[in-house]
Amino acid sequence: MRTKNKSSLLFCFLVTLTIALVTSQAFAIPTAQDVANQVIAAMEDGKTAKEAVETAVASAIAEGMSAKEAAKAAIKGAVEAAVVLGQEVNAAIQDAVMGAASGAIAAGQDMNAAIEGACEGAISAAAAVNADTTLAAQAAVGGSVNAAVEHKQDSAAAASAAVSGAVSGAAASGLNPNETARVVYGSAQGANAAATATGQDAAAVAAAVQSSASDAAAAHGLDSGTMAAAAASGTADTAPLEAYSPPEAPPPASPEPPATELDQVEPEPDPIASGM
């Protein structure tokens, strides 16, 4: 009798363990590379960056990944696929940011969290493939405003999240302060262009971009004033994108050397000249 009970208990334990293992495997949180690979495969099959990223982000969130991390991973795949397929990288970035926002909304999550992650991933991915990170920022943040318009959300809040992500991506990629300022410039330019084109409150978007750039700079140990100035310049578009360079503090003036006795001696009159 005891043997039968022990056998039954052992059988029940094994069945329970098997179910637990199968369940854990079925609901395992995907890795960032899993999400990126899903986007790459979808784009190779003919999906647009927006379609591929939207599906991947919604799926990853459903499997337990945060909206921010899912979007960051998905846009990495979109950039890699665009390079391999010969597509325009910045167009893919803009579409991918919009897709990330749509995927988050479809999964019932915060759109701006996905936008922040997507813009962070966009700068990191662009840097990794030696693409122009300033143009990548312009496309990514512009895409964030477009996404807000598409889903009837606050465009200023979307742009703020996007700029925060772009600065984080610049920091993660090891960009120097001047390069990061150019990323901020491109972000502001993209936000302003998208807000103007879609009839949004461009002034509110610009204010949100400058505030976010300043806060993000402080969080990453950068000069807030420089980043805010870069954002203001990008919004005003006062210089061509390729010609922009962030403001630099003038070098400190070197102190005047102390006067010597030789400096203080007045020259004697020329006797020849005085005699003439």
C-alpha atoms as a PDB file:
ATOM      1  CA  MET A   1       0.000   0.000   0.000  1.00  0.00           C
ATOM      2  CA  ARG A   2       2.794   2.364   0.908  1.00  0.00           C
ATOM      3  CA  THR A   3       4.621   1.478  -2.321  1.00  0.00           C
ATOM      4  CA  LYS A   4       1.538   2.394  -4.348  1.00  0.00           C
ATOM      5  CA  ASN A   5       1.184   5.696  -2.512  1.00  0.00           C
ATOM      6  CA  LYS A   6       4.835   6.519  -3.073  1.00  0.00           C
ATOM      7  CA  SER A   7       4.506   5.662  -6.758  1.00  0.00           C
ATOM      8  CA  SER A   8       1.424   7.843  -7.072  1.00  0.00           C
ATOM      9  CA  LEU A   9       3.116  10.752  -5.354  1.00  0.00           C
ATOM     10  CA  LEU A  10       6.182  10.399  -7.554  1.00  0.00           C
ATOM     11  CA  PHE A  11       4.004  10.269 -10.671  1.00  0.00           C
ATOM     12  CA  CYS A  12       2.087  13.383  -9.632  1.00  0.00           C
ATOM     13  CA  PHE A  13       5.339  15.197  -8.894  1.00  0.00           C
ATOM     14  CA  LEU A  14       6.767  14.348 -12.307  1.00  0.00           C
ATOM     15  CA  VAL A  15       3.574  15.413 -14.092  1.00  0.00           C
ATOM     16  CA  THR A  16       3.545  18.710 -12.191  1.00  0.00           C
ATOM     17  CA  LEU A  17       7.204  19.339 -12.942  1.00  0.00           C
ATOM     18  CA  THR A  18       6.687  18.618 -16.640  1.00  0.00           C
ATOM     19  CA  ILE A  19       3.745  21.008 -16.833  1.00  0.00           C
ATOM     20  CA  ALA A  20       5.744  23.695 -15.045  1.00  0.00           C
ATOM     21  CA  LEU A  21       8.676  23.319 -17.434  1.00  0.00           C
ATOM     22  CA  VAL A  22       6.467  23.422 -20.525  1.00  0.00           C
ATOM     23  CA  THR A  23       4.588  26.435 -19.209  1.00  0.00           C
ATOM     24  CA  SER A  24       7.778  28.331 -18.350  1.00  0.00           C
ATOM     25  CA  GLN A  25       9.179  27.674 -21.807  1.00  0.00           C
ATOM     26  CA  ALA A  26       5.933  28.738 -23.458  1.00  0.00           C
ATOM     27  CA  PHE A  27       5.863  32.037 -21.578  1.00  0.00           C
ATOM     28  CA  ALA A  28       9.595  32.787 -21.400  1.00  0.00           C
ATOM     29  CA  ILE A  29      10.400  36.455 -21.904  1.00  0.00           C
ATOM     30  CA  PRO A  30      12.135  36.879 -25.271  1.00  0.00           C
ATOM     31  CA  THR A  31      15.624  38.290 -25.424  1.00  0.00           C
ATOM     32  CA  ALA A  32      16.462  41.547 -27.185  1.00  0.00           C
ATOM     33  CA  GLN A  33      18.116  39.558 -29.957  1.00  0.00           C
ATOM     34  CA  ASP A  34      14.975  37.443 -30.363  1.00  0.00           C
ATOM     35  CA  VAL A  35      12.941  40.591 -30.952  1.00  0.00           C
ATOM     36  CA  ALA A  36      15.506  42.050 -33.354  1.00  0.00           C
ATOM     37  CA  ASN A  37      15.641  38.796 -35.301  1.00  0.00           C
ATOM     38  CA  GLN A  38      11.862  38.752 -35.586  1.00  0.00           C
ATOM     39  CA  VAL A  39      11.920  42.216 -37.154  1.00  0.00           C
ATOM     40  CA  ILE A  40      14.746  41.297 -39.521  1.00  0.00           C
ATOM     41  CA  ALA A  41      12.915  38.177 -40.693  1.00  0.00           C
ATOM     42  CA  ALA A  42       9.687  40.107 -41.238  1.00  0.00           C
ATOM     43  CA  MET A  43      11.394  42.831 -43.264  1.00  0.00           C
ATOM     44  CA  GLU A  44      13.209  40.232 -45.335  1.00  0.00           C
ATOM     45  CA  ASP A  45       9.759  38.758 -46.066  1.00  0.00           C
ATOM     46  CA  GLY A  46       8.569  42.109 -47.408  1.00  0.00           C
ATOM     47  CA  LYS A  47       7.069  43.810 -44.371  1.00  0.00           C
ATOM     48  CA  THR A  48       7.719  47.507 -43.869  1.00  0.00           C
ATOM     49  CA  ALA A  49       9.732  48.611 -40.850  1.00  0.00           C
ATOM     50  CA  LYS A  50       6.551  49.951 -39.273  1.00  0.00           C
ATOM     51  CA  GLU A  51       4.651  46.697 -39.753  1.00  0.00           C
ATOM     52  CA  ALA A  52       7.527  44.518 -38.586  1.00  0.00           C
ATOM     53  CA  VAL A  53       8.264  46.577 -35.488  1.00  0.00           C
ATOM     54  CA  GLU A  54       4.611  46.953 -34.505  1.00  0.00           C
ATOM     55  CA  THR A  55       4.089  43.187 -34.543  1.00  0.00           C
ATOM     56  CA  ALA A  56       7.360  42.429 -32.758  1.00  0.00           C
ATOM     57  CA  VAL A  57       6.786  44.998 -30.013  1.00  0.00           C
ATOM     58  CA  ALA A  58       3.208  43.902 -29.342  1.00  0.00           C
ATOM     59  CA  SER A  59       4.312  40.265 -29.233  1.00  0.00           C
ATOM     60  CA  ALA A  60       7.281  40.920 -26.939  1.00  0.00           C
ATOM     61  CA  ILE A  61       5.136  42.930 -24.521  1.00  0.00           C
ATOM     62  CA  ALA A  62       2.559  40.137 -24.449  1.00  0.00           C
ATOM     63  CA  GLU A  63       5.368  37.748 -23.499  1.00  0.00           C
ATOM     64  CA  GLY A  64       6.495  39.892 -20.572  1.00  0.00           C
ATOM     65  CA  MET A  65       9.023  42.383 -21.974  1.00  0.00           C
ATOM     66  CA  SER A  66       8.630  46.070 -21.116  1.00  0.00           C
ATOM     67  CA  ALA A  67       7.455  48.424 -23.850  1.00  0.00           C
ATOM     68  CA  LYS A  68      10.698  50.395 -23.661  1.00  0.00           C
ATOM     69  CA  GLU A  69      12.996  47.382 -23.983  1.00  0.00           C
ATOM     70  CA  ALA A  70      10.865  45.774 -26.684  1.00  0.00           C
ATOM     71  CA  ALA A  71      10.948  48.933 -28.791  1.00  0.00           C
ATOM     72  CA  LYS A  72      14.679  49.409 -28.286  1.00  0.00           C
ATOM     73  CA  ALA A  73      15.367  45.871 -29.477  1.00  0.00           C
ATOM     74  CA  ALA A  74      12.924  46.015 -32.371  1.00  0.00           C
ATOM     75  CA  ILE A  75      14.330  49.187 -33.899  1.00  0.00           C
ATOM     76  CA  LYS A  76      17.810  47.678 -33.766  1.00  0.00           C
ATOM     77  CA  GLY A  77      16.517  44.904 -35.989  1.00  0.00           C
ATOM     78  CA  ALA A  78      14.875  47.424 -38.311  1.00  0.00           C
ATOM     79  CA  VAL A  79      18.121  49.343 -38.815  1.00  0.00           C
ATOM     80  CA  GLU A  80      20.126  46.178 -39.395  1.00  0.00           C
ATOM     81  CA  ALA A  81      17.549  44.908 -41.890  1.00  0.00           C
ATOM     82  CA  ALA A  82      17.465  48.246 -43.717  1.00  0.00           C
ATOM     83  CA  VAL A  83      21.233  48.127 -44.174  1.00  0.00           C
ATOM     84  CA  VAL A  84      21.187  44.544 -45.448  1.00  0.00           C
ATOM     85  CA  LEU A  85      18.237  45.162 -47.780  1.00  0.00           C
ATOM     86  CA  GLY A  86      19.641  48.429 -49.126  1.00  0.00           C
ATOM     87  CA  GLN A  87      16.796  50.515 -47.713  1.00  0.00           C
ATOM     88  CA  GLU A  88      17.142  54.123 -46.558  1.00  0.00           C
ATOM     89  CA  VAL A  89      18.088  53.865 -42.896  1.00  0.00           C
ATOM     90  CA  ASN A  90      16.470  57.078 -41.700  1.00  0.00           C
ATOM     91  CA  ALA A  91      13.179  56.296 -43.401  1.00  0.00           C
ATOM     92  CA  ALA A  92      13.233  52.914 -41.682  1.00  0.00           C
ATOM     93  CA  ILE A  93      13.946  54.592 -38.337  1.00  0.00           C
ATOM     94  CA  GLN A  94      11.021  56.981 -38.654  1.00  0.00           C
ATOM     95  CA  ASP A  95       8.658  54.144 -39.611  1.00  0.00           C
ATOM     96  CA  ALA A  96      10.030  51.917 -36.864  1.00  0.00           C
ATOM     97  CA  VAL A  97       9.390  54.533 -34.156  1.00  0.00           C
ATOM     98  CA  MET A  98       5.810  54.827 -35.348  1.00  0.00           C
ATOM     99  CA  GLY A  99       5.512  51.055 -35.378  1.00  0.00           C
ATOM    100  CA  ALA A 100       6.847  50.807 -31.839  1.00  0.00           C
ATOM    101  CA  ALA A 101       4.216  53.271 -30.636  1.00  0.00           C
ATOM    102  CA  SER A 102       1.479  51.324 -32.397  1.00  0.00           C
ATOM    103  CA  GLY A 103       2.717  48.028 -30.976  1.00  0.00           C
ATOM    104  CA  ALA A 104       2.700  49.387 -27.426  1.00  0.00           C
ATOM    105  CA  ILE A 105      -0.821  50.735 -27.807  1.00  0.00           C
ATOM    106  CA  ALA A 106      -2.002  47.430 -29.282  1.00  0.00           C
ATOM    107  CA  ALA A 107      -0.587  45.675 -26.211  1.00  0.00           C
ATOM    108  CA  GLY A 108      -2.247  48.153 -23.847  1.00  0.00           C
ATOM    109  CA  GLN A 109       1.012  49.803 -22.771  1.00  0.00           C
ATOM    110  CA  ASP A 110       2.347  53.352 -22.618  1.00  0.00           C
ATOM    111  CA  MET A 111       3.126  54.679 -26.069  1.00  0.00           C
ATOM    112  CA  ASN A 112       5.735  57.144 -24.787  1.00  0.00           C
ATOM    113  CA  ALA A 113       7.703  54.415 -23.018  1.00  0.00           C
ATOM    114  CA  ALA A 114       7.983  52.634 -26.349  1.00  0.00           C
ATOM    115  CA  ILE A 115       8.929  55.874 -28.104  1.00  0.00           C
ATOM    116  CA  GLU A 116      11.705  56.532 -25.588  1.00  0.00           C
ATOM    117  CA  GLY A 117      13.092  53.031 -26.049  1.00  0.00           C
ATOM    118  CA  ALA A 118      12.797  53.222 -29.826  1.00  0.00           C
ATOM    119  CA  CYS A 119      14.680  56.522 -30.025  1.00  0.00           C
ATOM    120  CA  GLU A 120      17.388  55.229 -27.706  1.00  0.00           C
ATOM    121  CA  GLY A 121      17.739  52.147 -29.888  1.00  0.00           C
ATOM    122  CA  ALA A 122      17.702  54.230 -33.071  1.00  0.00           C
ATOM    123  CA  ILE A 123      20.755  56.269 -32.083  1.00  0.00           C
ATOM    124  CA  SER A 124      22.638  53.233 -30.807  1.00  0.00           C
ATOM    125  CA  ALA A 125      21.833  51.248 -33.944  1.00  0.00           C
ATOM    126  CA  ALA A 126      22.739  54.124 -36.252  1.00  0.00           C
ATOM    127  CA  ALA A 127      26.072  54.558 -34.496  1.00  0.00           C
ATOM    128  CA  ALA A 128      26.731  50.826 -34.745  1.00  0.00           C
ATOM    129  CA  VAL A 129      26.374  50.866 -38.546  1.00  0.00           C
ATOM    130  CA  ASN A 130      28.267  54.175 -38.911  1.00  0.00           C
ATOM    131  CA  ALA A 131      25.172  56.061 -40.020  1.00  0.00           C
ATOM    132  CA  ASP A 132      24.729  59.776 -39.320  1.00  0.00           C
ATOM    133  CA  THR A 133      23.340  59.922 -35.788  1.00  0.00           C
ATOM    134  CA  THR A 134      22.142  63.503 -36.228  1.00  0.00           C
ATOM    135  CA  LEU A 135      19.927  62.512 -39.140  1.00  0.00           C
ATOM    136  CA  ALA A 136      18.866  59.396 -37.266  1.00  0.00           C
ATOM    137  CA  ALA A 137      17.715  61.587 -34.378  1.00  0.00           C
ATOM    138  CA  GLN A 138      15.860  63.862 -36.754  1.00  0.00           C
ATOM    139  CA  ALA A 139      13.988  60.878 -38.205  1.00  0.00           C
ATOM    140  CA  ALA A 140      13.321  59.207 -34.859  1.00  0.00           C
ATOM    141  CA  VAL A 141      11.954  62.244 -33.040  1.00  0.00           C
ATOM    142  CA  GLY A 142       9.993  63.327 -36.085  1.00  0.00           C
ATOM    143  CA  GLY A 143       8.489  59.843 -36.108  1.00  0.00           C
ATOM    144  CA  SER A 144       7.475  60.236 -32.473  1.00  0.00           C
ATOM    145  CA  VAL A 145       5.421  63.345 -33.274  1.00  0.00           C
ATOM    146  CA  ASN A 146       3.855  61.575 -36.247  1.00  0.00           C
ATOM    147  CA  ALA A 147       2.947  58.669 -33.973  1.00  0.00           C
ATOM    148  CA  ALA A 148       1.300  60.986 -31.470  1.00  0.00           C
ATOM    149  CA  VAL A 149      -0.763  62.551 -34.230  1.00  0.00           C
ATOM    150  CA  GLU A 150      -1.701  59.145 -35.624  1.00  0.00           C
ATOM    151  CA  HIS A 151      -2.958  57.936 -32.250  1.00  0.00           C
ATOM    152  CA  LYS A 152      -4.371  61.300 -31.102  1.00  0.00           C
ATOM    153  CA  GLN A 153      -1.890  61.598 -28.238  1.00  0.00           C
ATOM    154  CA  ASP A 154       0.031  64.564 -26.812  1.00  0.00           C
ATOM    155  CA  SER A 155       2.722  65.400 -29.373  1.00  0.00           C
ATOM    156  CA  ALA A 156       4.783  67.446 -26.898  1.00  0.00           C
ATOM    157  CA  ALA A 157       4.922  64.536 -24.454  1.00  0.00           C
ATOM    158  CA  ALA A 158       5.889  62.167 -27.261  1.00  0.00           C
ATOM    159  CA  ALA A 159       8.687  64.481 -28.409  1.00  0.00           C
ATOM    160  CA  SER A 160       9.924  64.833 -24.828  1.00  0.00           C
ATOM    161  CA  ALA A 161      10.149  61.054 -24.429  1.00  0.00           C
ATOM    162  CA  ALA A 162      11.860  60.771 -27.799  1.00  0.00           C
ATOM    163  CA  VAL A 163      14.571  63.311 -26.973  1.00  0.00           C
ATOM    164  CA  SER A 164      15.233  61.636 -23.638  1.00  0.00           C
ATOM    165  CA  GLY A 165      15.721  58.360 -25.467  1.00  0.00           C
ATOM    166  CA  ALA A 166      17.940  59.927 -28.129  1.00  0.00           C
ATOM    167  CA  VAL A 167      20.293  61.397 -25.529  1.00  0.00           C
ATOM    168  CA  SER A 168      20.416  58.045 -23.723  1.00  0.00           C
ATOM    169  CA  GLY A 169      21.256  56.357 -27.005  1.00  0.00           C
ATOM    170  CA  ALA A 170      24.050  58.841 -27.635  1.00  0.00           C
ATOM    171  CA  ALA A 171      25.455  58.192 -24.177  1.00  0.00           C
ATOM    172  CA  ALA A 172      25.204  54.424 -24.609  1.00  0.00           C
ATOM    173  CA  SER A 173      27.060  54.686 -27.925  1.00  0.00           C
ATOM    174  CA  GLY A 174      29.914  56.671 -26.393  1.00  0.00           C
ATOM    175  CA  LEU A 175      29.304  59.834 -28.413  1.00  0.00           C
ATOM    176  CA  ASN A 176      31.244  62.831 -27.188  1.00  0.00           C
ATOM    177  CA  PRO A 177      29.461  66.007 -25.973  1.00  0.00           C
ATOM    178  CA  ASN A 178      29.707  67.742 -29.369  1.00  0.00           C
ATOM    179  CA  GLU A 179      28.285  64.701 -31.152  1.00  0.00           C
ATOM    180  CA  THR A 180      25.536  64.447 -28.550  1.00  0.00           C
ATOM    181  CA  ALA A 181      24.689  68.121 -29.068  1.00  0.00           C
ATOM    182  CA  ARG A 182      24.294  67.391 -32.762  1.00  0.00           C
ATOM    183  CA  VAL A 183      21.931  64.548 -31.863  1.00  0.00           C
ATOM    184  CA  VAL A 184      19.893  67.008 -29.788  1.00  0.00           C
ATOM    185  CA  TYR A 185      19.961  69.503 -32.658  1.00  0.00           C
ATOM    186  CA  GLY A 186      18.669  66.874 -35.079  1.00  0.00           C
ATOM    187  CA  SER A 187      16.026  65.801 -32.564  1.00  0.00           C
ATOM    188  CA  ALA A 188      14.720  69.348 -32.237  1.00  0.00           C
ATOM    189  CA  GLN A 189      14.770  69.896 -35.965  1.00  0.00           C
ATOM    190  CA  GLY A 190      12.824  66.680 -36.570  1.00  0.00           C
ATOM    191  CA  ALA A 191      10.281  67.476 -33.863  1.00  0.00           C
ATOM    192  CA  ASN A 192       9.713  70.993 -35.187  1.00  0.00           C
ATOM    193  CA  ALA A 193       9.370  69.850 -38.794  1.00  0.00           C
ATOM    194  CA  ALA A 194       6.883  67.136 -37.887  1.00  0.00           C
ATOM    195  CA  ALA A 195       4.872  69.399 -35.573  1.00  0.00           C
ATOM    196  CA  THR A 196       4.669  72.099 -38.236  1.00  0.00           C
ATOM    197  CA  ALA A 197       3.733  69.651 -40.985  1.00  0.00           C
ATOM    198  CA  THR A 198       0.970  68.050 -38.921  1.00  0.00           C
ATOM    199  CA  GLY A 199      -0.500  71.252 -37.530  1.00  0.00           C
ATOM    200  CA  GLN A 200       0.562  70.700 -33.929  1.00  0.00           C
ATOM    201  CA  ASP A 201       1.500  73.351 -31.395  1.00  0.00           C
ATOM    202  CA  ALA A 202       5.109  73.747 -32.510  1.00  0.00           C
ATOM    203  CA  ALA A 203       5.933  76.114 -29.640  1.00  0.00           C
ATOM    204  CA  ALA A 204       4.764  73.577 -27.052  1.00  0.00           C
ATOM    205  CA  VAL A 205       6.708  70.823 -28.772  1.00  0.00           C
ATOM    206  CA  ALA A 206       9.831  73.008 -28.870  1.00  0.00           C
ATOM    207  CA  ALA A 207       9.546  73.819 -25.175  1.00  0.00           C
ATOM    208  CA  ALA A 208       9.156  70.142 -24.324  1.00  0.00           C
ATOM    209  CA  VAL A 209      12.178  69.232 -26.449  1.00  0.00           C
ATOM    210  CA  GLN A 210      14.406  71.840 -24.797  1.00  0.00           C
ATOM    211  CA  SER A 211      13.314  70.846 -21.302  1.00  0.00           C
ATOM    212  CA  SER A 212      13.839  67.155 -22.030  1.00  0.00           C
ATOM    213  CA  ALA A 213      17.256  67.783 -23.582  1.00  0.00           C
ATOM    214  CA  SER A 214      18.338  69.735 -20.523  1.00  0.00           C
ATOM    215  CA  ASP A 215      17.081  67.087 -18.092  1.00  0.00           C
ATOM    216  CA  ALA A 216      18.589  64.221 -20.071  1.00  0.00           C
ATOM    217  CA  ALA A 217      21.922  66.021 -20.290  1.00  0.00           C
ATOM    218  CA  ALA A 218      22.028  66.445 -16.525  1.00  0.00           C
ATOM    219  CA  ALA A 219      21.175  62.768 -16.041  1.00  0.00           C
ATOM    220  CA  HIS A 220      24.152  61.772 -18.190  1.00  0.00           C
ATOM    221  CA  GLY A 221      26.652  64.244 -16.766  1.00  0.00           C
ATOM    222  CA  LEU A 222      26.516  66.630 -19.726  1.00  0.00           C
ATOM    223  CA  ASP A 223      26.161  70.397 -19.756  1.00  0.00           C
ATOM    224  CA  SER A 224      22.440  71.203 -19.687  1.00  0.00           C
ATOM    225  CA  GLY A 225      22.917  74.697 -21.093  1.00  0.00           C
ATOM    226  CA  THR A 226      24.787  73.422 -24.139  1.00  0.00           C
ATOM    227  CA  MET A 227      22.133  70.812 -24.897  1.00  0.00           C
ATOM    228  CA  ALA A 228      19.293  73.294 -24.411  1.00  0.00           C
ATOM    229  CA  ALA A 229      21.063  75.705 -26.784  1.00  0.00           C
ATOM    230  CA  ALA A 230      21.460  72.917 -29.341  1.00  0.00           C
ATOM    231  CA  ALA A 231      17.746  72.170 -29.074  1.00  0.00           C
ATOM    232  CA  ALA A 232      16.845  75.844 -29.514  1.00  0.00           C
ATOM    233  CA  SER A 233      19.092  76.075 -32.566  1.00  0.00           C
ATOM    234  CA  GLY A 234      17.586  72.950 -34.063  1.00  0.00           C
ATOM    235  CA  THR A 235      14.070  74.240 -33.525  1.00  0.00           C
ATOM    236  CA  ALA A 236      14.899  77.544 -35.195  1.00  0.00           C
ATOM    237  CA  ASP A 237      16.910  75.737 -37.883  1.00  0.00           C
ATOM    238  CA  THR A 238      19.301  78.674 -38.056  1.00  0.00           C
ATOM    239  CA  ALA A 239      22.085  76.654 -39.666  1.00  0.00           C
ATOM    240  CA  PRO A 240      22.189  73.827 -42.212  1.00  0.00           C
ATOM    241  CA  LEU A 241      22.247  70.476 -40.475  1.00  0.00           C
ATOM    242  CA  GLU A 242      25.646  69.488 -41.788  1.00  0.00           C
ATOM    243  CA  ALA A 243      27.160  72.831 -40.768  1.00  0.00           C
ATOM    244  CA  TYR A 244      25.906  72.904 -37.208  1.00  0.00           C
ATOM    245  CA  SER A 245      28.391  72.848 -34.390  1.00  0.00           C
ATOM    246  CA  PRO A 246      27.368  73.281 -30.752  1.00  0.00           C
ATOM    247  CA  PRO A 247      28.404  76.429 -28.912  1.00  0.00           C
ATOM    248  CA  GLU A 248      31.667  76.167 -27.067  1.00  0.00           C
ATOM    249  CA  ALA A 249      32.837  78.208 -24.111  1.00  0.00           C
ATOM    250  CA  PRO A 250      35.657  80.610 -25.038  1.00  0.00           C
ATOM    251  CA  PRO A 251      39.056  79.657 -23.651  1.00  0.00           C
ATOM    252  CA  PRO A 252      40.034  81.566 -20.518  1.00  0.00           C
ATOM    253  CA  ALA A 253      42.118  84.653 -21.227  1.00  0.00           C
ATOM    254  CA  SER A 254      45.760  84.219 -20.329  1.00  0.00           C
ATOM    255  CA  PRO A 255      46.949  86.685 -17.654  1.00  0.00           C
ATOM    256  CA  GLU A 256      49.148  89.549 -18.797  1.00  0.00           C
ATOM    257  CA  PRO A 257      52.808  88.976 -17.834  1.00  0.00           C
ATOM    258  CA  PRO A 258      54.020  91.365 -15.111  1.00  0.00           C
ATOM    259  CA  ALA A 259      55.918  94.388 -16.350  1.00  0.00           C
ATOM    260  CA  THR A 260      59.686  94.191 -16.003  1.00  0.00           C
ATOM    261  CA  GLU A 261      62.136  96.986 -15.392  1.00  0.00           C
ATOM    262  CA  LEU A 262      63.141  96.847 -19.038  1.00  0.00           C
ATOM    263  CA  ASP A 263      59.499  97.385 -20.042  1.00  0.00           C
ATOM    264  CA  GLN A 264      59.299 100.434 -17.818  1.00  0.00           C
ATOM    265  CA  VAL A 265      62.516 102.179 -19.046  1.00  0.00           C
ATOM    266  CA  GLU A 266      61.760 104.874 -21.565  1.00  0.00           C
ATOM    267  CA  PRO A 267      64.046 104.911 -24.624  1.00  0.00           C
ATOM    268  CA  GLU A 268      66.736 107.610 -24.661  1.00  0.00           C
ATOM    269  CA  PRO A 269      66.503 110.170 -27.424  1.00  0.00           C
ATOM    270  CA  ASP A 270      68.544 109.528 -30.554  1.00  0.00           C
ATOM    271  CA  PRO A 271      71.430 112.020 -30.479  1.00  0.00           C
ATOM    272  CA  ILE A 272      71.693 112.053 -34.255  1.00  0.00           C
ATOM    273  CA  ALA A 273      67.999 112.667 -34.655  1.00  0.00           C
ATOM    274  CA  SER A 274      67.993 115.375 -31.978  1.00  0.00           C
ATOM    275  CA  GLY A 275      70.907 117.176 -33.596  1.00  0.00           C
ATOM    276  CA  MET A 276      69.159 117.421 -36.925  1.00  0.00           C
END
